[in-house]
Amino acid sequence: MHTTLFQKLSVFLLRLTIGWMFFYAGITKIADPNWSAAGYLQASKTFPDFYQWLLQPGILPFVNFINEWGLTLLGISLILGVFVRLGSILGSILMLMYYLPILQFPYPNAHSYIVNEHIIYIAALLLLSAIRAGRIWGLEHWCSILPVCSRYPALRKLLG
């Protein structure tokens, strides 16, 4: 399929802007020593037992770490255009974990019906994964031709 300059630019801008959003969300959590996912988890409406379980003192630090560094690394991945497929799939799972506790089916919030920003992020991330967006003005093309990718073809699939 021939990709036009406009298509490439559109994919690149989508990848870059979503990447920046995730990077900023993660890095601000890392920079704030008082940030915790506890408030979000305590307010869960769907699967409250599961989200309350995540509040346990032995689990909450791990949940906070996954949130802080997951968002930050996903942002870096999208901005640089490397490991976009893997990062996008993991990011979609993270967005689903954000969506479920606020969902009071079928309303994720007062102004949405089933679909809110988390569902849009999931759809955009899955699109970026499916179209190998890291190869469009990103580092994935360069990474995919490294000798290590030749030796380990499964790694090439993770890259995109």
N, C-alpha and C. Protein backbone atom coordinates (compact mmCIF):
# COMPACT_ATOMS: atom_id res chain seq x y z
N MET A 1 0.84 -1.18 0.00
CA MET A 1 0.00 0.00 0.00
C MET A 1 0.89 1.24 0.00
N HIS A 2 0.58 2.17 -0.85
CA HIS A 2 1.32 3.41 -0.93
C HIS A 2 0.77 4.39 0.12
N THR A 3 1.65 4.87 0.96
CA THR A 3 1.24 5.80 2.00
C THR A 3 1.62 7.20 1.57
N THR A 4 0.66 8.09 1.60
CA THR A 4 0.91 9.47 1.19
C THR A 4 1.60 10.23 2.31
N LEU A 5 2.17 11.34 1.96
CA LEU A 5 2.80 12.21 2.93
C LEU A 5 1.80 12.66 3.99
N PHE A 6 0.58 12.97 3.58
CA PHE A 6 -0.45 13.40 4.53
C PHE A 6 -0.78 12.28 5.52
N GLN A 7 -0.86 11.04 5.04
CA GLN A 7 -1.12 9.91 5.94
C GLN A 7 0.03 9.73 6.93
N LYS A 8 1.25 9.80 6.44
CA LYS A 8 2.41 9.66 7.32
C LYS A 8 2.44 10.77 8.36
N LEU A 9 2.19 11.99 7.92
CA LEU A 9 2.19 13.13 8.85
C LEU A 9 1.08 12.96 9.90
N SER A 10 -0.08 12.50 9.48
CA SER A 10 -1.20 12.30 10.41
C SER A 10 -0.86 11.25 11.46
N VAL A 11 -0.30 10.12 11.03
CA VAL A 11 0.07 9.06 11.97
C VAL A 11 1.17 9.56 12.90
N PHE A 12 2.15 10.24 12.34
CA PHE A 12 3.25 10.77 13.15
C PHE A 12 2.72 11.74 14.21
N LEU A 13 1.85 12.65 13.82
CA LEU A 13 1.30 13.62 14.78
C LEU A 13 0.43 12.95 15.83
N LEU A 14 -0.34 11.95 15.45
CA LEU A 14 -1.14 11.20 16.42
C LEU A 14 -0.23 10.51 17.42
N ARG A 15 0.80 9.82 16.92
CA ARG A 15 1.75 9.13 17.79
C ARG A 15 2.46 10.09 18.72
N LEU A 16 2.89 11.22 18.18
CA LEU A 16 3.63 12.20 18.96
C LEU A 16 2.76 12.86 20.03
N THR A 17 1.55 13.27 19.67
CA THR A 17 0.69 13.96 20.64
C THR A 17 0.18 13.03 21.73
N ILE A 18 -0.18 11.81 21.37
CA ILE A 18 -0.60 10.86 22.40
C ILE A 18 0.60 10.51 23.27
N GLY A 19 1.76 10.35 22.65
CA GLY A 19 2.98 10.08 23.41
C GLY A 19 3.27 11.17 24.42
N TRP A 20 3.16 12.42 23.98
CA TRP A 20 3.41 13.54 24.90
C TRP A 20 2.42 13.52 26.05
N MET A 21 1.15 13.25 25.75
CA MET A 21 0.12 13.23 26.79
C MET A 21 0.45 12.17 27.86
N PHE A 22 0.82 10.96 27.41
CA PHE A 22 1.15 9.91 28.36
C PHE A 22 2.44 10.21 29.11
N PHE A 23 3.45 10.72 28.40
CA PHE A 23 4.70 11.07 29.06
C PHE A 23 4.47 12.11 30.15
N TYR A 24 3.74 13.14 29.82
CA TYR A 24 3.48 14.21 30.80
C TYR A 24 2.69 13.68 31.99
N ALA A 25 1.68 12.85 31.73
CA ALA A 25 0.88 12.28 32.82
C ALA A 25 1.75 11.44 33.75
N GLY A 26 2.68 10.68 33.17
CA GLY A 26 3.55 9.84 33.99
C GLY A 26 4.61 10.61 34.74
N ILE A 27 5.27 11.53 34.05
CA ILE A 27 6.39 12.24 34.68
C ILE A 27 5.91 13.16 35.80
N THR A 28 4.70 13.71 35.68
CA THR A 28 4.17 14.55 36.76
C THR A 28 3.83 13.70 37.98
N LYS A 29 3.45 12.45 37.78
CA LYS A 29 3.20 11.55 38.91
C LYS A 29 4.53 11.19 39.58
N ILE A 30 5.54 10.92 38.79
CA ILE A 30 6.86 10.59 39.34
C ILE A 30 7.41 11.78 40.14
N ALA A 31 7.22 12.98 39.61
CA ALA A 31 7.78 14.18 40.25
C ALA A 31 7.03 14.59 41.53
N ASP A 32 5.84 14.09 41.72
CA ASP A 32 5.04 14.45 42.90
C ASP A 32 5.15 13.34 43.94
N PRO A 33 5.93 13.56 45.01
CA PRO A 33 6.13 12.50 46.00
C PRO A 33 4.83 12.14 46.76
N ASN A 34 3.83 12.98 46.67
CA ASN A 34 2.57 12.71 47.37
C ASN A 34 1.53 12.02 46.48
N TRP A 35 1.86 11.81 45.19
CA TRP A 35 0.88 11.20 44.31
C TRP A 35 0.68 9.73 44.65
N SER A 36 -0.57 9.30 44.58
CA SER A 36 -0.91 7.90 44.77
C SER A 36 -2.19 7.60 44.00
N ALA A 37 -2.32 6.37 43.57
CA ALA A 37 -3.53 5.92 42.89
C ALA A 37 -4.64 5.61 43.89
N ALA A 38 -4.36 5.73 45.18
CA ALA A 38 -5.32 5.32 46.21
C ALA A 38 -6.68 6.00 46.06
N GLY A 39 -6.72 7.29 45.83
CA GLY A 39 -8.00 8.00 45.71
C GLY A 39 -8.83 7.49 44.56
N TYR A 40 -8.19 7.24 43.44
CA TYR A 40 -8.88 6.72 42.26
C TYR A 40 -9.45 5.33 42.54
N LEU A 41 -8.64 4.50 43.19
CA LEU A 41 -9.05 3.13 43.49
C LEU A 41 -10.18 3.10 44.52
N GLN A 42 -10.11 3.97 45.51
CA GLN A 42 -11.14 4.01 46.55
C GLN A 42 -12.51 4.39 46.00
N ALA A 43 -12.54 5.15 44.93
CA ALA A 43 -13.80 5.63 44.35
C ALA A 43 -14.37 4.68 43.30
N SER A 44 -13.81 3.49 43.17
CA SER A 44 -14.24 2.58 42.10
C SER A 44 -15.72 2.20 42.23
N LYS A 45 -16.38 2.19 41.07
CA LYS A 45 -17.80 1.85 41.00
C LYS A 45 -18.02 0.46 40.42
N THR A 46 -17.13 0.04 39.57
CA THR A 46 -17.21 -1.28 38.94
C THR A 46 -16.09 -2.14 39.51
N PHE A 47 -16.37 -3.36 39.82
CA PHE A 47 -15.42 -4.29 40.42
C PHE A 47 -14.76 -3.70 41.67
N PRO A 48 -15.54 -3.14 42.58
CA PRO A 48 -14.95 -2.47 43.74
C PRO A 48 -14.08 -3.40 44.60
N ASP A 49 -14.44 -4.67 44.70
CA ASP A 49 -13.63 -5.59 45.50
C ASP A 49 -12.22 -5.74 44.93
N PHE A 50 -12.14 -5.84 43.61
CA PHE A 50 -10.83 -5.95 42.97
C PHE A 50 -10.00 -4.69 43.20
N TYR A 51 -10.60 -3.54 42.98
CA TYR A 51 -9.86 -2.29 43.14
C TYR A 51 -9.53 -1.99 44.60
N GLN A 52 -10.37 -2.45 45.53
CA GLN A 52 -10.05 -2.32 46.95
C GLN A 52 -8.87 -3.22 47.31
N TRP A 53 -8.83 -4.39 46.68
CA TRP A 53 -7.72 -5.31 46.90
C TRP A 53 -6.40 -4.66 46.49
N LEU A 54 -6.42 -3.87 45.41
CA LEU A 54 -5.20 -3.19 44.95
C LEU A 54 -4.71 -2.14 45.94
N LEU A 55 -5.56 -1.76 46.89
CA LEU A 55 -5.19 -0.75 47.90
C LEU A 55 -4.37 -1.32 49.05
N GLN A 56 -4.19 -2.61 49.10
CA GLN A 56 -3.43 -3.22 50.19
C GLN A 56 -2.02 -2.63 50.25
N PRO A 57 -1.49 -2.44 51.44
CA PRO A 57 -0.16 -1.83 51.58
C PRO A 57 0.94 -2.54 50.81
N GLY A 58 0.83 -3.83 50.61
CA GLY A 58 1.85 -4.56 49.86
C GLY A 58 1.67 -4.46 48.36
N ILE A 59 0.51 -4.00 47.90
CA ILE A 59 0.22 -3.95 46.47
C ILE A 59 0.19 -2.52 45.94
N LEU A 60 -0.29 -1.58 46.74
CA LEU A 60 -0.43 -0.19 46.28
C LEU A 60 0.88 0.41 45.76
N PRO A 61 2.02 0.20 46.41
CA PRO A 61 3.26 0.76 45.85
C PRO A 61 3.56 0.22 44.43
N PHE A 62 3.24 -1.03 44.19
CA PHE A 62 3.42 -1.61 42.85
C PHE A 62 2.46 -0.97 41.86
N VAL A 63 1.21 -0.76 42.27
CA VAL A 63 0.21 -0.10 41.42
C VAL A 63 0.67 1.31 41.08
N ASN A 64 1.18 2.03 42.07
CA ASN A 64 1.68 3.40 41.83
C ASN A 64 2.86 3.37 40.86
N PHE A 65 3.77 2.43 41.05
CA PHE A 65 4.94 2.31 40.18
C PHE A 65 4.51 2.03 38.74
N ILE A 66 3.58 1.10 38.56
CA ILE A 66 3.10 0.76 37.21
C ILE A 66 2.46 1.99 36.56
N ASN A 67 1.68 2.74 37.33
CA ASN A 67 1.05 3.94 36.79
C ASN A 67 2.09 4.97 36.39
N GLU A 68 2.98 5.30 37.30
CA GLU A 68 3.98 6.34 37.04
C GLU A 68 4.88 5.98 35.86
N TRP A 69 5.50 4.81 35.95
CA TRP A 69 6.48 4.43 34.95
C TRP A 69 5.85 3.86 33.69
N GLY A 70 4.70 3.23 33.81
CA GLY A 70 3.99 2.74 32.63
C GLY A 70 3.60 3.88 31.72
N LEU A 71 3.02 4.94 32.28
CA LEU A 71 2.64 6.11 31.49
C LEU A 71 3.86 6.79 30.89
N THR A 72 4.90 6.95 31.70
CA THR A 72 6.11 7.64 31.24
C THR A 72 6.79 6.87 30.11
N LEU A 73 6.97 5.57 30.29
CA LEU A 73 7.64 4.76 29.26
C LEU A 73 6.79 4.62 28.00
N LEU A 74 5.47 4.53 28.17
CA LEU A 74 4.59 4.51 27.00
C LEU A 74 4.76 5.80 26.21
N GLY A 75 4.80 6.92 26.92
CA GLY A 75 5.00 8.21 26.26
C GLY A 75 6.32 8.26 25.50
N ILE A 76 7.39 7.82 26.14
CA ILE A 76 8.70 7.81 25.49
C ILE A 76 8.68 6.90 24.26
N SER A 77 8.07 5.74 24.40
CA SER A 77 7.96 4.80 23.29
C SER A 77 7.26 5.43 22.10
N LEU A 78 6.16 6.10 22.35
CA LEU A 78 5.40 6.70 21.25
C LEU A 78 6.15 7.91 20.66
N ILE A 79 6.74 8.71 21.50
CA ILE A 79 7.47 9.89 21.00
C ILE A 79 8.65 9.47 20.13
N LEU A 80 9.41 8.48 20.58
CA LEU A 80 10.58 8.03 19.82
C LEU A 80 10.21 7.07 18.69
N GLY A 81 9.05 6.47 18.78
CA GLY A 81 8.63 5.53 17.75
C GLY A 81 9.37 4.21 17.85
N VAL A 82 9.54 3.70 19.06
CA VAL A 82 10.21 2.43 19.26
C VAL A 82 9.39 1.59 20.26
N PHE A 83 9.27 0.31 20.00
CA PHE A 83 8.43 -0.60 20.79
C PHE A 83 6.99 -0.11 20.84
N VAL A 84 6.53 0.48 19.75
CA VAL A 84 5.17 1.04 19.71
C VAL A 84 4.12 -0.06 19.82
N ARG A 85 4.35 -1.18 19.15
CA ARG A 85 3.36 -2.27 19.21
C ARG A 85 3.20 -2.77 20.64
N LEU A 86 4.28 -3.13 21.28
CA LEU A 86 4.23 -3.63 22.65
C LEU A 86 3.68 -2.57 23.60
N GLY A 87 4.22 -1.36 23.51
CA GLY A 87 3.78 -0.28 24.39
C GLY A 87 2.31 0.05 24.21
N SER A 88 1.84 0.03 22.98
CA SER A 88 0.44 0.36 22.72
C SER A 88 -0.50 -0.70 23.28
N ILE A 89 -0.12 -1.94 23.17
CA ILE A 89 -0.97 -3.01 23.72
C ILE A 89 -1.00 -2.92 25.25
N LEU A 90 0.15 -2.75 25.86
CA LEU A 90 0.19 -2.60 27.32
C LEU A 90 -0.53 -1.32 27.76
N GLY A 91 -0.38 -0.25 27.00
CA GLY A 91 -1.07 1.00 27.30
C GLY A 91 -2.58 0.85 27.19
N SER A 92 -3.04 0.04 26.25
CA SER A 92 -4.48 -0.21 26.11
C SER A 92 -5.02 -0.93 27.34
N ILE A 93 -4.25 -1.88 27.85
CA ILE A 93 -4.65 -2.59 29.07
C ILE A 93 -4.69 -1.61 30.24
N LEU A 94 -3.70 -0.74 30.34
CA LEU A 94 -3.68 0.26 31.40
C LEU A 94 -4.89 1.19 31.30
N MET A 95 -5.22 1.61 30.09
CA MET A 95 -6.39 2.49 29.91
C MET A 95 -7.69 1.77 30.28
N LEU A 96 -7.77 0.48 30.01
CA LEU A 96 -8.94 -0.30 30.41
C LEU A 96 -9.04 -0.35 31.94
N MET A 97 -7.88 -0.46 32.59
CA MET A 97 -7.85 -0.47 34.06
C MET A 97 -8.26 0.89 34.63
N TYR A 98 -8.06 1.97 33.87
CA TYR A 98 -8.52 3.30 34.28
C TYR A 98 -10.01 3.46 34.02
N TYR A 99 -10.49 2.84 32.96
CA TYR A 99 -11.88 2.98 32.54
C TYR A 99 -12.84 2.25 33.49
N LEU A 100 -12.51 1.03 33.83
CA LEU A 100 -13.44 0.20 34.59
C LEU A 100 -13.85 0.76 35.95
N PRO A 101 -12.95 1.30 36.75
CA PRO A 101 -13.40 1.75 38.07
C PRO A 101 -14.35 2.96 38.02
N ILE A 102 -14.30 3.75 36.98
CA ILE A 102 -15.17 4.93 36.92
C ILE A 102 -16.50 4.63 36.23
N LEU A 103 -16.60 3.45 35.63
CA LEU A 103 -17.78 3.09 34.86
C LEU A 103 -18.94 2.73 35.78
N GLN A 104 -20.01 3.43 35.65
CA GLN A 104 -21.26 3.07 36.29
C GLN A 104 -22.19 2.75 35.12
N PHE A 105 -22.04 1.53 34.62
CA PHE A 105 -22.59 1.15 33.33
C PHE A 105 -24.01 1.65 33.14
N PRO A 106 -24.26 2.27 31.99
CA PRO A 106 -23.41 2.49 30.82
C PRO A 106 -22.75 3.87 30.81
N TYR A 107 -22.63 4.51 31.97
CA TYR A 107 -22.11 5.88 32.01
C TYR A 107 -20.74 5.94 32.69
N PRO A 108 -19.67 6.20 31.91
CA PRO A 108 -18.36 6.38 32.54
C PRO A 108 -18.25 7.72 33.26
N ASN A 109 -19.06 8.69 32.84
CA ASN A 109 -19.16 9.97 33.56
C ASN A 109 -20.48 10.63 33.16
N ALA A 110 -20.77 11.76 33.71
CA ALA A 110 -22.07 12.41 33.49
C ALA A 110 -22.30 12.83 32.05
N HIS A 111 -21.24 12.98 31.28
CA HIS A 111 -21.37 13.48 29.92
C HIS A 111 -21.01 12.45 28.85
N SER A 112 -20.97 11.17 29.23
CA SER A 112 -20.59 10.12 28.29
C SER A 112 -21.54 8.94 28.41
N TYR A 113 -21.69 8.25 27.31
CA TYR A 113 -22.47 7.02 27.28
C TYR A 113 -21.58 5.93 26.71
N ILE A 114 -21.11 5.05 27.53
CA ILE A 114 -20.21 3.94 27.25
C ILE A 114 -18.81 4.41 26.83
N VAL A 115 -18.71 5.32 25.90
CA VAL A 115 -17.40 5.76 25.40
C VAL A 115 -16.98 7.05 26.10
N ASN A 116 -15.77 7.03 26.64
CA ASN A 116 -15.16 8.26 27.16
C ASN A 116 -13.72 8.32 26.65
N GLU A 117 -12.91 9.22 27.19
CA GLU A 117 -11.56 9.40 26.67
C GLU A 117 -10.71 8.14 26.77
N HIS A 118 -10.94 7.31 27.78
CA HIS A 118 -10.14 6.08 27.92
C HIS A 118 -10.39 5.13 26.75
N ILE A 119 -11.63 5.04 26.32
CA ILE A 119 -11.95 4.18 25.17
C ILE A 119 -11.32 4.75 23.90
N ILE A 120 -11.33 6.08 23.77
CA ILE A 120 -10.69 6.71 22.62
C ILE A 120 -9.18 6.44 22.63
N TYR A 121 -8.55 6.54 23.81
CA TYR A 121 -7.12 6.24 23.91
C TYR A 121 -6.84 4.79 23.53
N ILE A 122 -7.70 3.86 23.99
CA ILE A 122 -7.52 2.45 23.64
C ILE A 122 -7.59 2.27 22.13
N ALA A 123 -8.61 2.86 21.51
CA ALA A 123 -8.76 2.73 20.05
C ALA A 123 -7.56 3.32 19.32
N ALA A 124 -7.09 4.49 19.75
CA ALA A 124 -5.94 5.13 19.10
C ALA A 124 -4.68 4.30 19.29
N LEU A 125 -4.47 3.77 20.49
CA LEU A 125 -3.28 2.95 20.74
C LEU A 125 -3.32 1.67 19.91
N LEU A 126 -4.49 1.03 19.82
CA LEU A 126 -4.59 -0.18 19.02
C LEU A 126 -4.36 0.12 17.54
N LEU A 127 -4.82 1.28 17.07
CA LEU A 127 -4.56 1.68 15.70
C LEU A 127 -3.06 1.86 15.48
N LEU A 128 -2.39 2.56 16.39
CA LEU A 128 -0.95 2.78 16.25
C LEU A 128 -0.20 1.45 16.23
N SER A 129 -0.65 0.51 17.03
CA SER A 129 -0.04 -0.81 17.05
C SER A 129 -0.26 -1.54 15.73
N ALA A 130 -1.48 -1.50 15.25
CA ALA A 130 -1.86 -2.25 14.04
C ALA A 130 -1.17 -1.74 12.78
N ILE A 131 -0.94 -0.45 12.69
CA ILE A 131 -0.36 0.10 11.45
C ILE A 131 1.15 0.29 11.52
N ARG A 132 1.76 -0.26 12.57
CA ARG A 132 3.21 -0.18 12.72
C ARG A 132 3.68 1.28 12.69
N ALA A 133 3.05 2.07 13.55
CA ALA A 133 3.27 3.51 13.55
C ALA A 133 4.70 3.92 13.89
N GLY A 134 5.43 3.08 14.58
CA GLY A 134 6.81 3.41 14.92
C GLY A 134 7.74 3.44 13.72
N ARG A 135 7.32 2.84 12.62
CA ARG A 135 8.13 2.86 11.41
C ARG A 135 7.92 4.12 10.59
N ILE A 136 6.97 4.92 10.97
CA ILE A 136 6.72 6.18 10.28
C ILE A 136 7.43 7.28 11.06
N TRP A 137 8.57 7.65 10.59
CA TRP A 137 9.42 8.68 11.19
C TRP A 137 9.72 8.39 12.66
N GLY A 138 9.92 7.11 12.96
CA GLY A 138 10.28 6.68 14.30
C GLY A 138 11.50 5.79 14.24
N LEU A 139 11.94 5.32 15.39
CA LEU A 139 13.15 4.51 15.47
C LEU A 139 12.93 3.03 15.19
N GLU A 140 11.68 2.59 15.04
CA GLU A 140 11.43 1.16 14.85
C GLU A 140 12.07 0.60 13.58
N HIS A 141 12.04 1.35 12.52
CA HIS A 141 12.65 0.83 11.28
C HIS A 141 14.13 0.58 11.49
N TRP A 142 14.81 1.53 12.09
CA TRP A 142 16.23 1.38 12.37
C TRP A 142 16.47 0.20 13.31
N CYS A 143 15.68 0.10 14.37
CA CYS A 143 15.85 -0.99 15.33
C CYS A 143 15.58 -2.35 14.71
N SER A 144 14.64 -2.42 13.78
CA SER A 144 14.27 -3.71 13.18
C SER A 144 15.37 -4.28 12.29
N ILE A 145 16.31 -3.45 11.85
CA ILE A 145 17.39 -3.96 11.00
C ILE A 145 18.67 -4.25 11.79
N LEU A 146 18.62 -4.08 13.10
CA LEU A 146 19.78 -4.41 13.92
C LEU A 146 20.02 -5.92 13.92
N PRO A 147 21.26 -6.36 14.05
CA PRO A 147 21.56 -7.80 14.04
C PRO A 147 20.78 -8.59 15.09
N VAL A 148 20.50 -8.00 16.24
CA VAL A 148 19.77 -8.72 17.29
C VAL A 148 18.36 -9.08 16.82
N CYS A 149 17.75 -8.26 16.00
CA CYS A 149 16.42 -8.56 15.46
C CYS A 149 16.49 -9.68 14.43
N SER A 150 17.60 -9.78 13.72
CA SER A 150 17.76 -10.89 12.77
C SER A 150 17.89 -12.21 13.50
N ARG A 151 18.58 -12.19 14.61
CA ARG A 151 18.77 -13.41 15.41
C ARG A 151 17.51 -13.81 16.16
N TYR A 152 16.70 -12.84 16.54
CA TYR A 152 15.49 -13.10 17.32
C TYR A 152 14.28 -12.48 16.63
N PRO A 153 13.70 -13.20 15.66
CA PRO A 153 12.58 -12.66 14.87
C PRO A 153 11.38 -12.24 15.75
N ALA A 154 11.20 -12.88 16.88
CA ALA A 154 10.08 -12.50 17.77
C ALA A 154 10.24 -11.07 18.25
N LEU A 155 11.48 -10.63 18.41
CA LEU A 155 11.73 -9.26 18.82
C LEU A 155 11.24 -8.28 17.76
N ARG A 156 11.40 -8.65 16.52
CA ARG A 156 10.93 -7.80 15.41
C ARG A 156 9.42 -7.61 15.48
N LYS A 157 8.69 -8.65 15.90
CA LYS A 157 7.23 -8.54 16.03
C LYS A 157 6.86 -7.58 17.16
N LEU A 158 7.62 -7.60 18.24
CA LEU A 158 7.37 -6.65 19.33
C LEU A 158 7.62 -5.23 18.89
N LEU A 159 8.64 -5.06 18.07
CA LEU A 159 8.97 -3.72 17.59
C LEU A 159 7.89 -3.21 16.64
N GLY A 160 7.34 -4.07 15.85
CA GLY A 160 6.32 -3.64 14.89
C GLY A 160 6.78 -3.93 13.51
